[in-house]
Amino acid sequence: MRTVTLDVSSRESTNRRFLKAFDGESLGDVISFESPALLFKVLSGKRWEMLNIMTGKGPLTIRELARRLGRDVKAVHGDVHALLDAGILQKTATGQIVFPFDAVHVDFMLKEAA
């Protein structure tokens, strides 16, 4: 099963992970956000629903995805492009979109303010 981890981490932490990967260390699939606010901005409720529909389903057209979601094609198009820009969705050579993971793990911690 291929799982992507969505996390909240500092730029320094992300850079350290990148350098480890560059040295050949396998770290899995991770997409990082600089803050919980950005994570929740990118992954709104409707976009979470989209990922739920797409998980494990293979490539889909935007029109087919909109049909499965029961939503307007134009609105789904905007959400798809936001997730493409964040690196969460991918586009195939034929122009379809795909969420290439079987599961999503979200990892962040809320601590007492300093």
Protein backbone atom coordinates (compact mmCIF):
# COMPACT_ATOMS: atom_id res chain seq x y z
CA MET A 1 0.00 0.00 0.00
CA ARG A 2 1.39 3.40 -0.99
CA THR A 3 0.72 6.05 1.64
CA VAL A 4 1.42 9.77 1.42
CA THR A 5 2.10 11.72 4.59
CA LEU A 6 0.90 15.31 4.73
CA ASP A 7 2.77 17.15 7.45
CA VAL A 8 3.39 20.56 8.91
CA SER A 9 7.09 21.30 9.22
CA SER A 10 9.53 24.17 9.09
CA ARG A 11 11.55 24.93 6.00
CA GLU A 12 14.68 23.74 7.86
CA SER A 13 13.09 20.38 8.64
CA THR A 14 11.94 20.01 5.05
CA ASN A 15 15.45 20.87 3.80
CA ARG A 16 17.00 18.25 6.12
CA ARG A 17 14.59 15.62 4.80
CA PHE A 18 15.41 16.64 1.23
CA LEU A 19 19.17 16.28 1.87
CA LYS A 20 18.66 12.81 3.37
CA ALA A 21 16.66 11.79 0.31
CA PHE A 22 19.34 13.27 -1.94
CA ASP A 23 21.87 11.04 -0.16
CA GLY A 24 19.75 8.00 -1.05
CA GLU A 25 17.84 7.52 2.21
CA SER A 26 14.27 6.38 1.54
CA LEU A 27 11.86 8.61 3.46
CA GLY A 28 8.56 7.68 1.83
CA ASP A 29 6.12 10.03 0.18
CA VAL A 30 5.78 13.27 2.15
CA ILE A 31 4.15 16.58 1.22
CA SER A 32 4.92 19.36 3.69
CA PHE A 33 3.06 22.54 4.55
CA GLU A 34 4.54 25.47 6.48
CA SER A 35 1.56 25.84 8.82
CA PRO A 36 -1.66 24.10 9.83
CA ALA A 37 -3.54 27.08 8.35
CA LEU A 38 -1.98 26.45 4.94
CA LEU A 39 -2.68 22.72 5.16
CA PHE A 40 -6.36 23.37 5.90
CA LYS A 41 -6.56 26.10 3.25
CA VAL A 42 -5.27 23.76 0.55
CA LEU A 43 -7.26 20.76 1.81
CA SER A 44 -10.74 22.17 2.31
CA GLY A 45 -13.65 19.87 3.06
CA LYS A 46 -14.61 19.52 -0.61
CA ARG A 47 -11.02 18.71 -1.57
CA TRP A 48 -10.84 16.03 1.16
CA GLU A 49 -14.00 14.55 -0.34
CA MET A 50 -12.30 14.63 -3.74
CA LEU A 51 -9.30 12.72 -2.41
CA ASN A 52 -11.62 10.19 -0.80
CA ILE A 53 -13.33 9.57 -4.16
CA MET A 54 -9.98 9.34 -5.99
CA THR A 55 -8.04 7.15 -3.55
CA GLY A 56 -7.10 3.90 -5.29
CA LYS A 57 -9.27 4.64 -8.35
CA GLY A 58 -6.63 5.39 -11.00
CA PRO A 59 -6.73 8.24 -13.53
CA LEU A 60 -9.97 10.18 -14.05
CA THR A 61 -11.07 13.08 -16.19
CA ILE A 62 -12.18 16.22 -14.40
CA ARG A 63 -15.65 15.76 -15.88
CA GLU A 64 -15.88 12.19 -14.51
CA LEU A 65 -14.64 13.33 -11.11
CA ALA A 66 -17.26 16.11 -11.05
CA ARG A 67 -19.95 13.55 -11.93
CA ARG A 68 -18.86 11.24 -9.08
CA LEU A 69 -18.80 14.14 -6.65
CA GLY A 70 -22.12 15.57 -7.84
CA ARG A 71 -20.47 18.96 -8.30
CA ASP A 72 -20.08 21.58 -11.02
CA VAL A 73 -17.22 20.85 -13.47
CA LYS A 74 -15.84 24.41 -13.19
CA ALA A 75 -15.65 24.23 -9.38
CA VAL A 76 -14.00 20.80 -9.50
CA HIS A 77 -11.54 22.13 -12.09
CA GLY A 78 -10.46 24.89 -9.67
CA ASP A 79 -10.03 22.41 -6.81
CA VAL A 80 -8.08 19.99 -9.02
CA HIS A 81 -5.65 22.73 -10.02
CA ALA A 82 -5.13 23.78 -6.39
CA LEU A 83 -4.24 20.16 -5.53
CA LEU A 84 -2.02 19.86 -8.62
CA ASP A 85 -0.17 23.03 -7.56
CA ALA A 86 0.34 21.57 -4.06
CA GLY A 87 1.75 18.35 -5.54
CA ILE A 88 -1.06 16.20 -4.14
CA LEU A 89 -2.60 15.27 -7.49
CA GLN A 90 -0.72 14.41 -10.66
CA LYS A 91 -1.61 14.75 -14.33
CA THR A 92 -1.12 11.81 -16.70
CA ALA A 93 0.35 12.06 -20.20
CA THR A 94 -3.21 11.89 -21.56
CA GLY A 95 -4.37 14.83 -19.42
CA GLN A 96 -6.28 12.84 -16.82
CA ILE A 97 -5.73 13.44 -13.12
CA VAL A 98 -4.69 10.86 -10.58
CA PHE A 99 -4.17 10.61 -6.84
CA PRO A 100 -1.41 7.97 -6.93
CA PHE A 101 -1.76 6.83 -3.32
CA ASP A 102 -3.84 4.22 -1.52
CA ALA A 103 -3.92 6.10 1.80
CA VAL A 104 -3.30 9.51 3.37
CA HIS A 105 -1.65 10.08 6.75
CA VAL A 106 -1.78 13.60 8.23
CA ASP A 107 0.88 14.45 10.80
CA PHE A 108 1.17 17.64 12.83
CA MET A 109 1.24 18.65 16.45
CA LEU A 110 -0.43 21.57 18.19
CA LYS A 111 1.55 22.81 21.19
CA GLU A 112 1.14 25.49 23.79
CA ALA A 113 2.05 28.91 22.41
CA ALA A 114 5.35 30.30 23.61
